[in-house]
């Protein structure tokens, strides 16, 4: 009986030794995957806004590319997209205090645009051709124009904001 007890303890010690954590170097740390294909890639145009007739955002275009984002005024280079699946009515109620009980239980993708770790916008993907943007307590509806995202068309008259700090070159 005593030998069996010692054998069980030795087996336990051996198993614990093999499964114990080892030291990880900083290069071995687990990193979150980078989203290379975003679900709202392409060009969208603001078609309407709830409860407002006139707005500066109407007719503004938004362009989504894997590493760039343009909001009609500013162009962001080196952006990251964070994607989460949420209940649409709960998300709007908890995040923006907008009651949307019509869509209760409807799961949607929310795509957050981040530049240098800073939040820019959240977009709610309704379907492949329609997304929503909640901005300044207004709900904007954006319709997909094209899957293309040629930024050269919009390079005039926009502010380019790099996500990484650029140091000026001294001569």
N, C-alpha and C. Protein backbone atom coordinates (compact mmCIF):
# COMPACT_ATOMS: atom_id res chain seq x y z
N UNK A 1 0.81 -1.18 0.00
CA UNK A 1 0.00 0.00 0.00
C UNK A 1 0.87 1.26 0.00
N UNK A 2 1.90 1.22 0.81
CA UNK A 2 2.80 2.35 0.90
C UNK A 2 3.55 2.55 -0.41
N UNK A 3 3.93 1.44 -1.09
CA UNK A 3 4.63 1.54 -2.37
C UNK A 3 3.72 2.16 -3.43
N UNK A 4 2.46 1.79 -3.44
CA UNK A 4 1.53 2.38 -4.41
C UNK A 4 1.38 3.88 -4.17
N UNK A 5 1.29 4.26 -2.94
CA UNK A 5 1.18 5.67 -2.58
C UNK A 5 2.40 6.45 -3.06
N UNK A 6 3.60 5.90 -2.87
CA UNK A 6 4.83 6.55 -3.33
C UNK A 6 4.89 6.61 -4.85
N UNK A 7 4.43 5.56 -5.52
CA UNK A 7 4.42 5.54 -6.99
C UNK A 7 3.47 6.63 -7.51
N UNK A 8 2.30 6.77 -6.91
CA UNK A 8 1.33 7.79 -7.33
C UNK A 8 1.90 9.18 -7.12
N UNK A 9 2.56 9.41 -6.00
CA UNK A 9 3.16 10.72 -5.72
C UNK A 9 4.28 11.00 -6.71
N UNK A 10 5.11 10.02 -7.03
CA UNK A 10 6.20 10.23 -7.99
C UNK A 10 5.65 10.52 -9.38
N UNK A 11 4.60 9.82 -9.76
CA UNK A 11 3.98 10.09 -11.07
C UNK A 11 3.44 11.52 -11.09
N UNK A 12 2.79 11.91 -10.02
CA UNK A 12 2.26 13.27 -9.93
C UNK A 12 3.38 14.31 -10.03
N UNK A 13 4.50 14.09 -9.36
CA UNK A 13 5.64 15.02 -9.40
C UNK A 13 6.22 15.09 -10.81
N UNK A 14 6.31 13.96 -11.48
CA UNK A 14 6.86 13.94 -12.84
C UNK A 14 5.93 14.68 -13.80
N UNK A 15 4.63 14.43 -13.70
CA UNK A 15 3.67 15.12 -14.57
C UNK A 15 3.69 16.62 -14.30
N UNK A 16 3.72 17.00 -13.04
CA UNK A 16 3.76 18.42 -12.69
C UNK A 16 5.02 19.08 -13.22
N UNK A 17 6.11 18.36 -13.23
CA UNK A 17 7.38 18.89 -13.72
C UNK A 17 7.31 19.14 -15.23
N UNK A 18 6.67 18.24 -15.96
CA UNK A 18 6.57 18.41 -17.41
C UNK A 18 5.59 19.50 -17.82
N UNK A 19 4.56 19.70 -17.02
CA UNK A 19 3.54 20.67 -17.40
C UNK A 19 3.75 22.04 -16.80
N UNK A 20 4.79 22.23 -16.05
CA UNK A 20 5.00 23.54 -15.43
C UNK A 20 5.36 24.57 -16.48
N UNK A 21 5.13 25.81 -16.14
CA UNK A 21 5.42 26.91 -17.07
C UNK A 21 6.92 27.10 -17.17
N UNK A 22 7.35 27.45 -18.34
CA UNK A 22 8.76 27.77 -18.53
C UNK A 22 8.89 29.26 -18.73
N UNK A 23 10.10 29.74 -18.66
CA UNK A 23 10.33 31.18 -18.86
C UNK A 23 10.21 31.51 -20.33
N UNK A 24 9.46 32.57 -20.63
CA UNK A 24 9.31 33.03 -21.99
C UNK A 24 10.12 34.30 -22.17
N UNK A 25 10.80 34.39 -23.29
CA UNK A 25 11.47 35.65 -23.61
C UNK A 25 10.45 36.56 -24.26
N UNK A 26 10.77 37.82 -24.38
CA UNK A 26 9.81 38.78 -24.94
C UNK A 26 9.47 38.46 -26.40
N UNK A 27 10.34 37.79 -27.11
CA UNK A 27 10.06 37.46 -28.50
C UNK A 27 9.09 36.30 -28.62
N UNK A 28 8.86 35.56 -27.53
CA UNK A 28 7.95 34.43 -27.57
C UNK A 28 6.56 34.76 -27.06
N UNK A 29 6.29 36.00 -26.69
CA UNK A 29 4.99 36.35 -26.16
C UNK A 29 3.94 36.26 -27.26
N UNK A 30 2.76 35.91 -26.85
CA UNK A 30 1.65 35.77 -27.79
C UNK A 30 1.16 37.16 -28.17
N UNK A 31 1.00 37.38 -29.46
CA UNK A 31 0.53 38.66 -29.96
C UNK A 31 -0.81 38.45 -30.66
N UNK A 32 -1.66 39.45 -30.58
CA UNK A 32 -2.96 39.39 -31.26
C UNK A 32 -2.72 39.43 -32.76
N UNK A 33 -3.50 38.67 -33.53
CA UNK A 33 -3.31 38.68 -34.97
C UNK A 33 -3.77 40.01 -35.57
N UNK A 34 -3.10 40.42 -36.63
CA UNK A 34 -3.47 41.65 -37.31
C UNK A 34 -4.51 41.30 -38.36
N UNK A 35 -5.60 42.06 -38.39
CA UNK A 35 -6.67 41.81 -39.36
C UNK A 35 -6.23 42.32 -40.72
N UNK A 36 -5.95 41.39 -41.64
CA UNK A 36 -5.52 41.78 -42.97
C UNK A 36 -6.70 42.01 -43.90
N UNK A 37 -7.79 41.30 -43.65
CA UNK A 37 -8.99 41.49 -44.45
C UNK A 37 -10.07 42.01 -43.52
N UNK A 38 -10.48 43.23 -43.77
CA UNK A 38 -11.50 43.82 -42.92
C UNK A 38 -12.87 43.64 -43.57
N UNK A 39 -13.92 43.46 -42.79
CA UNK A 39 -15.24 43.18 -43.36
C UNK A 39 -15.89 44.37 -44.06
N UNK A 40 -15.39 45.57 -43.88
CA UNK A 40 -16.00 46.74 -44.52
C UNK A 40 -15.04 47.40 -45.51
N UNK A 41 -14.17 46.63 -46.12
CA UNK A 41 -13.19 47.14 -47.07
C UNK A 41 -13.89 47.76 -48.27
N UNK A 42 -13.40 48.92 -48.71
CA UNK A 42 -13.96 49.57 -49.88
C UNK A 42 -14.29 51.03 -49.61
N UNK A 43 -15.16 51.58 -50.45
CA UNK A 43 -15.56 52.97 -50.36
C UNK A 43 -17.05 53.06 -50.04
N UNK A 44 -17.38 53.86 -49.04
CA UNK A 44 -18.76 54.06 -48.62
C UNK A 44 -19.09 55.54 -48.66
N UNK A 45 -20.36 55.85 -48.87
CA UNK A 45 -20.80 57.24 -48.91
C UNK A 45 -21.96 57.42 -47.93
N UNK A 46 -21.93 58.51 -47.17
CA UNK A 46 -23.00 58.81 -46.22
C UNK A 46 -24.25 59.16 -47.01
N UNK A 47 -25.32 58.39 -46.79
CA UNK A 47 -26.57 58.63 -47.51
C UNK A 47 -27.62 59.32 -46.67
N UNK A 48 -27.57 59.11 -45.38
CA UNK A 48 -28.60 59.73 -44.56
C UNK A 48 -28.21 59.73 -43.09
N UNK A 49 -28.97 60.51 -42.34
CA UNK A 49 -28.76 60.61 -40.91
C UNK A 49 -30.13 60.63 -40.26
N UNK A 50 -30.30 59.89 -39.17
CA UNK A 50 -31.58 59.82 -38.48
C UNK A 50 -31.91 61.14 -37.79
N UNK A 51 -33.15 61.58 -37.95
CA UNK A 51 -33.71 62.72 -37.23
C UNK A 51 -33.07 64.07 -37.56
N UNK A 52 -32.25 64.16 -38.60
CA UNK A 52 -31.66 65.43 -38.99
C UNK A 52 -31.77 65.58 -40.50
N UNK A 53 -32.18 66.76 -40.94
CA UNK A 53 -32.36 66.96 -42.37
C UNK A 53 -31.09 67.48 -43.04
N UNK A 54 -30.38 68.39 -42.37
CA UNK A 54 -29.18 68.97 -42.96
C UNK A 54 -27.99 68.66 -42.06
N UNK A 55 -26.92 68.18 -42.67
CA UNK A 55 -25.76 67.79 -41.88
C UNK A 55 -24.52 67.87 -42.76
N UNK A 56 -23.38 68.22 -42.16
CA UNK A 56 -22.13 68.34 -42.91
C UNK A 56 -21.59 66.99 -43.38
N UNK A 57 -22.02 65.92 -42.73
CA UNK A 57 -21.49 64.59 -43.08
C UNK A 57 -22.19 63.98 -44.31
N UNK A 58 -23.36 64.52 -44.69
CA UNK A 58 -24.08 63.99 -45.84
C UNK A 58 -23.20 64.13 -47.08
N UNK A 59 -23.16 63.08 -47.87
CA UNK A 59 -22.38 62.99 -49.10
C UNK A 59 -20.88 62.80 -48.86
N UNK A 60 -20.44 62.69 -47.61
CA UNK A 60 -19.02 62.46 -47.33
C UNK A 60 -18.69 61.01 -47.63
N UNK A 61 -17.51 60.76 -48.16
CA UNK A 61 -17.07 59.39 -48.47
C UNK A 61 -16.08 58.90 -47.42
N UNK A 62 -16.15 57.61 -47.12
CA UNK A 62 -15.23 56.95 -46.22
C UNK A 62 -14.56 55.82 -46.99
N UNK A 63 -13.24 55.73 -46.89
CA UNK A 63 -12.49 54.69 -47.60
C UNK A 63 -11.77 53.83 -46.57
N UNK A 64 -11.94 52.51 -46.70
CA UNK A 64 -11.33 51.55 -45.79
C UNK A 64 -10.36 50.68 -46.60
N UNK A 65 -9.12 50.68 -46.18
CA UNK A 65 -8.08 49.85 -46.78
C UNK A 65 -7.39 49.13 -45.64
N UNK A 66 -6.65 48.07 -45.93
CA UNK A 66 -6.05 47.26 -44.88
C UNK A 66 -5.20 48.07 -43.91
N UNK A 67 -4.44 49.04 -44.41
CA UNK A 67 -3.56 49.81 -43.53
C UNK A 67 -3.80 51.32 -43.61
N UNK A 68 -4.87 51.73 -44.28
CA UNK A 68 -5.20 53.14 -44.42
C UNK A 68 -6.69 53.35 -44.20
N UNK A 69 -7.03 54.56 -43.79
CA UNK A 69 -8.43 54.93 -43.59
C UNK A 69 -8.58 56.40 -43.94
N UNK A 70 -9.64 56.74 -44.63
CA UNK A 70 -9.92 58.12 -44.99
C UNK A 70 -11.36 58.43 -44.60
N UNK A 71 -11.59 59.53 -43.87
CA UNK A 71 -12.94 59.88 -43.42
C UNK A 71 -13.53 61.06 -44.17
N UNK A 72 -13.02 61.34 -45.35
CA UNK A 72 -13.52 62.45 -46.13
C UNK A 72 -12.76 63.74 -45.89
N UNK A 73 -12.05 63.82 -44.78
CA UNK A 73 -11.26 65.01 -44.46
C UNK A 73 -9.82 64.62 -44.18
N UNK A 74 -9.64 63.65 -43.28
CA UNK A 74 -8.31 63.22 -42.87
C UNK A 74 -8.02 61.81 -43.37
N UNK A 75 -6.77 61.60 -43.74
CA UNK A 75 -6.31 60.28 -44.16
C UNK A 75 -5.36 59.76 -43.09
N UNK A 76 -5.63 58.55 -42.61
CA UNK A 76 -4.81 57.93 -41.58
C UNK A 76 -4.03 56.77 -42.19
N UNK A 77 -2.72 56.76 -41.98
CA UNK A 77 -1.86 55.70 -42.52
C UNK A 77 -1.42 54.81 -41.36
N UNK A 78 -1.39 53.51 -41.58
CA UNK A 78 -0.95 52.57 -40.56
C UNK A 78 -2.00 52.32 -39.50
N UNK A 79 -3.27 52.29 -39.90
CA UNK A 79 -4.34 52.08 -38.93
C UNK A 79 -4.51 50.59 -38.62
N UNK A 80 -5.17 50.32 -37.51
CA UNK A 80 -5.55 48.96 -37.12
C UNK A 80 -7.05 48.91 -37.01
N UNK A 81 -7.61 47.74 -37.27
CA UNK A 81 -9.04 47.53 -37.15
C UNK A 81 -9.29 46.47 -36.09
N UNK A 82 -10.19 46.75 -35.19
CA UNK A 82 -10.58 45.79 -34.16
C UNK A 82 -12.02 45.39 -34.48
N UNK A 83 -12.27 44.09 -34.56
CA UNK A 83 -13.58 43.58 -34.95
C UNK A 83 -14.17 42.82 -33.78
N UNK A 84 -15.44 43.12 -33.48
CA UNK A 84 -16.14 42.38 -32.43
C UNK A 84 -17.58 42.14 -32.89
N UNK A 85 -18.17 41.06 -32.39
CA UNK A 85 -19.55 40.72 -32.71
C UNK A 85 -20.39 41.02 -31.47
N UNK A 86 -21.44 41.82 -31.65
CA UNK A 86 -22.26 42.27 -30.53
C UNK A 86 -23.73 42.19 -30.89
N UNK A 87 -24.57 42.24 -29.87
CA UNK A 87 -26.01 42.40 -30.05
C UNK A 87 -26.23 43.88 -30.36
N UNK A 88 -26.84 44.18 -31.50
CA UNK A 88 -26.94 45.55 -31.97
C UNK A 88 -27.71 46.46 -31.00
N UNK A 89 -28.84 46.01 -30.51
CA UNK A 89 -29.63 46.88 -29.63
C UNK A 89 -28.91 47.12 -28.30
N UNK A 90 -28.25 46.09 -27.77
CA UNK A 90 -27.51 46.26 -26.51
C UNK A 90 -26.32 47.19 -26.71
N UNK A 91 -25.64 47.05 -27.85
CA UNK A 91 -24.47 47.89 -28.14
C UNK A 91 -24.87 49.36 -28.23
N UNK A 92 -25.96 49.64 -28.97
CA UNK A 92 -26.40 51.03 -29.12
C UNK A 92 -26.93 51.60 -27.81
N UNK A 93 -27.62 50.79 -27.03
CA UNK A 93 -28.16 51.26 -25.76
C UNK A 93 -27.06 51.52 -24.74
N UNK A 94 -26.15 50.56 -24.58
CA UNK A 94 -25.09 50.70 -23.58
C UNK A 94 -24.00 51.68 -23.99
N UNK A 95 -23.64 51.70 -25.27
CA UNK A 95 -22.55 52.55 -25.72
C UNK A 95 -22.95 53.98 -26.04
N UNK A 96 -24.17 54.14 -26.57
CA UNK A 96 -24.55 55.46 -27.07
C UNK A 96 -25.89 55.97 -26.53
N UNK A 97 -26.53 55.19 -25.65
CA UNK A 97 -27.83 55.56 -25.06
C UNK A 97 -28.90 55.76 -26.14
N UNK A 98 -28.85 54.90 -27.18
CA UNK A 98 -29.84 54.93 -28.26
C UNK A 98 -30.69 53.68 -28.14
N UNK A 99 -32.02 53.87 -28.01
CA UNK A 99 -32.91 52.73 -27.88
C UNK A 99 -33.20 52.18 -29.27
N UNK A 100 -32.84 50.92 -29.48
CA UNK A 100 -33.05 50.25 -30.76
C UNK A 100 -33.62 48.87 -30.48
N UNK A 101 -34.77 48.82 -29.83
CA UNK A 101 -35.37 47.54 -29.46
C UNK A 101 -35.88 46.77 -30.67
N UNK A 102 -35.98 47.41 -31.83
CA UNK A 102 -36.41 46.72 -33.05
C UNK A 102 -35.41 45.63 -33.43
N UNK A 103 -34.13 45.90 -33.24
CA UNK A 103 -33.08 44.95 -33.62
C UNK A 103 -32.59 44.10 -32.45
N UNK A 104 -33.41 43.92 -31.43
CA UNK A 104 -33.01 43.14 -30.26
C UNK A 104 -32.66 41.72 -30.68
N UNK A 105 -31.49 41.26 -30.27
CA UNK A 105 -31.05 39.92 -30.60
C UNK A 105 -30.31 39.79 -31.92
N UNK A 106 -30.27 40.85 -32.71
CA UNK A 106 -29.55 40.81 -33.99
C UNK A 106 -28.06 41.02 -33.75
N UNK A 107 -27.27 40.02 -34.12
CA UNK A 107 -25.82 40.13 -33.96
C UNK A 107 -25.22 40.82 -35.18
N UNK A 108 -24.36 41.78 -34.91
CA UNK A 108 -23.68 42.53 -35.97
C UNK A 108 -22.20 42.62 -35.65
N UNK A 109 -21.43 42.93 -36.68
CA UNK A 109 -20.00 43.17 -36.48
C UNK A 109 -19.79 44.66 -36.26
N UNK A 110 -18.99 44.98 -35.25
CA UNK A 110 -18.58 46.36 -35.01
C UNK A 110 -17.10 46.44 -35.33
N UNK A 111 -16.76 47.32 -36.25
CA UNK A 111 -15.37 47.49 -36.66
C UNK A 111 -14.88 48.82 -36.12
N UNK A 112 -13.92 48.76 -35.20
CA UNK A 112 -13.33 49.97 -34.63
C UNK A 112 -12.07 50.32 -35.40
N UNK A 113 -11.93 51.58 -35.75
CA UNK A 113 -10.74 52.07 -36.46
C UNK A 113 -9.85 52.73 -35.42
N UNK A 114 -8.60 52.25 -35.34
CA UNK A 114 -7.64 52.77 -34.37
C UNK A 114 -6.40 53.28 -35.11
N UNK A 115 -5.90 54.41 -34.67
CA UNK A 115 -4.67 54.96 -35.21
C UNK A 115 -3.71 55.20 -34.06
N UNK A 116 -2.59 54.51 -34.09
CA UNK A 116 -1.58 54.62 -33.03
C UNK A 116 -2.18 54.31 -31.66
N UNK A 117 -3.10 53.34 -31.64
CA UNK A 117 -3.73 52.93 -30.40
C UNK A 117 -4.88 53.83 -29.96
N UNK A 118 -5.13 54.91 -30.70
CA UNK A 118 -6.20 55.85 -30.36
C UNK A 118 -7.44 55.57 -31.20
N UNK A 119 -8.59 55.57 -30.55
CA UNK A 119 -9.86 55.32 -31.20
C UNK A 119 -10.21 56.45 -32.15
N UNK A 120 -10.71 56.10 -33.34
CA UNK A 120 -11.17 57.10 -34.30
C UNK A 120 -12.69 57.00 -34.47
N UNK A 121 -13.17 55.85 -34.97
CA UNK A 121 -14.60 55.63 -35.20
C UNK A 121 -14.94 54.17 -34.94
N UNK A 122 -16.24 53.93 -34.68
CA UNK A 122 -16.83 52.60 -34.66
C UNK A 122 -17.86 52.54 -35.79
N UNK A 123 -17.77 51.49 -36.60
CA UNK A 123 -18.73 51.28 -37.67
C UNK A 123 -19.48 49.98 -37.41
N UNK A 124 -20.79 49.99 -37.60
CA UNK A 124 -21.62 48.82 -37.40
C UNK A 124 -21.99 48.27 -38.77
N UNK A 125 -21.58 47.04 -39.04
CA UNK A 125 -21.88 46.43 -40.34
C UNK A 125 -23.27 45.80 -40.28
N UNK A 126 -24.20 46.34 -41.05
CA UNK A 126 -25.57 45.83 -41.11
C UNK A 126 -25.63 44.67 -42.10
N UNK A 127 -25.10 44.89 -43.30
CA UNK A 127 -24.96 43.83 -44.32
C UNK A 127 -23.79 44.20 -45.21
N UNK A 128 -23.62 43.49 -46.32
CA UNK A 128 -22.44 43.72 -47.17
C UNK A 128 -22.43 45.10 -47.82
N UNK A 129 -23.60 45.74 -47.95
CA UNK A 129 -23.67 47.02 -48.64
C UNK A 129 -24.03 48.20 -47.74
N UNK A 130 -24.28 47.96 -46.46
CA UNK A 130 -24.74 49.02 -45.58
C UNK A 130 -24.04 48.95 -44.24
N UNK A 131 -23.49 50.09 -43.79
CA UNK A 131 -22.90 50.19 -42.46
C UNK A 131 -23.47 51.43 -41.78
N UNK A 132 -23.32 51.47 -40.46
CA UNK A 132 -23.79 52.62 -39.68
C UNK A 132 -22.63 53.21 -38.90
N UNK A 133 -22.71 54.51 -38.68
CA UNK A 133 -21.74 55.23 -37.87
C UNK A 133 -22.51 56.07 -36.87
N UNK A 134 -22.20 55.93 -35.58
CA UNK A 134 -22.78 56.79 -34.56
C UNK A 134 -21.72 57.83 -34.23
N UNK A 135 -22.05 59.09 -34.50
CA UNK A 135 -21.09 60.17 -34.32
C UNK A 135 -21.86 61.42 -33.86
N UNK A 136 -21.41 62.04 -32.78
CA UNK A 136 -22.06 63.22 -32.22
C UNK A 136 -23.55 62.99 -31.96
N UNK A 137 -23.87 61.84 -31.39
CA UNK A 137 -25.24 61.45 -31.03
C UNK A 137 -26.18 61.37 -32.23
N UNK A 138 -25.61 61.17 -33.41
CA UNK A 138 -26.40 60.99 -34.63
C UNK A 138 -26.02 59.64 -35.24
N UNK A 139 -27.00 59.01 -35.88
CA UNK A 139 -26.76 57.72 -36.53
C UNK A 139 -26.74 57.95 -38.04
N UNK A 140 -25.57 57.73 -38.63
CA UNK A 140 -25.39 57.91 -40.07
C UNK A 140 -25.46 56.56 -40.77
N UNK A 141 -26.09 56.55 -41.94
CA UNK A 141 -26.15 55.34 -42.76
C UNK A 141 -25.22 55.54 -43.95
N UNK A 142 -24.29 54.59 -44.12
CA UNK A 142 -23.33 54.67 -45.21
C UNK A 142 -23.58 53.49 -46.15
N UNK A 143 -23.66 53.80 -47.43
CA UNK A 143 -23.88 52.76 -48.44
C UNK A 143 -22.60 52.52 -49.21
N UNK A 144 -22.33 51.26 -49.50
CA UNK A 144 -21.11 50.90 -50.22
C UNK A 144 -21.23 51.35 -51.68
N UNK A 145 -20.18 52.04 -52.12
CA UNK A 145 -20.13 52.50 -53.51
C UNK A 145 -19.37 51.47 -54.35
N UNK A 146 -18.22 51.05 -53.83
CA UNK A 146 -17.39 50.12 -54.58
C UNK A 146 -16.47 49.36 -53.62
N UNK A 147 -15.97 48.22 -54.08
CA UNK A 147 -14.99 47.46 -53.32
C UNK A 147 -13.60 48.06 -53.47
N UNK A 148 -13.44 48.93 -54.45
CA UNK A 148 -12.14 49.54 -54.71
C UNK A 148 -11.83 50.58 -53.65
N UNK A 149 -10.56 50.86 -53.50
CA UNK A 149 -10.15 51.84 -52.49
C UNK A 149 -8.93 52.61 -52.99
N UNK A 150 -9.00 53.11 -54.20
CA UNK A 150 -7.89 53.86 -54.78
C UNK A 150 -7.80 55.22 -54.09
N UNK A 151 -6.79 55.40 -53.25
CA UNK A 151 -6.63 56.63 -52.49
C UNK A 151 -6.09 57.77 -53.34
N UNK A 152 -5.51 57.49 -54.50
CA UNK A 152 -4.91 58.55 -55.30
C UNK A 152 -5.96 59.56 -55.76
N UNK A 153 -7.21 59.14 -55.91
CA UNK A 153 -8.28 60.03 -56.31
C UNK A 153 -8.52 61.12 -55.28
N UNK A 154 -8.31 60.79 -53.99
CA UNK A 154 -8.60 61.73 -52.92
C UNK A 154 -7.35 62.37 -52.33
N UNK A 155 -6.21 62.18 -52.89
CA UNK A 155 -4.98 62.69 -52.27
C UNK A 155 -4.89 64.20 -52.27
N UNK A 156 -5.63 64.86 -53.10
CA UNK A 156 -5.64 66.32 -53.08
C UNK A 156 -6.48 66.80 -51.90
N UNK A 157 -6.11 67.88 -51.31
CA UNK A 157 -6.91 68.59 -50.30
C UNK A 157 -7.29 67.76 -49.07
N UNK A 158 -6.46 66.82 -48.67
CA UNK A 158 -6.74 66.10 -47.44
C UNK A 158 -5.52 66.16 -46.54
N UNK A 159 -5.76 66.00 -45.27
CA UNK A 159 -4.68 65.98 -44.28
C UNK A 159 -4.24 64.54 -44.10
N UNK A 160 -2.95 64.27 -44.23
CA UNK A 160 -2.42 62.94 -44.03
C UNK A 160 -1.88 62.85 -42.62
N UNK A 161 -2.44 61.92 -41.83
CA UNK A 161 -2.05 61.77 -40.44
C UNK A 161 -1.43 60.39 -40.25
N UNK A 162 -0.11 60.31 -40.11
CA UNK A 162 0.51 59.00 -39.90
C UNK A 162 0.19 58.49 -38.50
N UNK A 163 0.07 57.18 -38.37
CA UNK A 163 -0.21 56.64 -37.05
C UNK A 163 1.07 56.54 -36.24
N UNK A 164 2.21 56.48 -36.91
CA UNK A 164 3.48 56.43 -36.20
C UNK A 164 4.09 57.82 -36.21
N UNK A 165 4.76 58.16 -35.15
CA UNK A 165 5.37 59.48 -35.03
C UNK A 165 6.50 59.61 -36.04
N UNK A 166 6.48 60.67 -36.81
CA UNK A 166 7.51 60.92 -37.82
C UNK A 166 8.41 62.03 -37.29
N UNK A 167 9.68 61.77 -37.25
CA UNK A 167 10.64 62.77 -36.79
C UNK A 167 11.16 63.57 -37.98
N UNK A 168 11.19 64.90 -37.86
CA UNK A 168 11.70 65.70 -38.98
C UNK A 168 13.18 65.48 -39.19
N UNK A 169 13.59 65.57 -40.44
CA UNK A 169 15.00 65.40 -40.78
C UNK A 169 15.70 66.75 -40.66
N UNK A 170 16.77 66.80 -39.89
CA UNK A 170 17.53 68.03 -39.72
C UNK A 170 18.72 68.02 -40.67
N UNK A 171 18.92 69.14 -41.31
CA UNK A 171 20.05 69.25 -42.26
C UNK A 171 21.09 70.18 -41.68
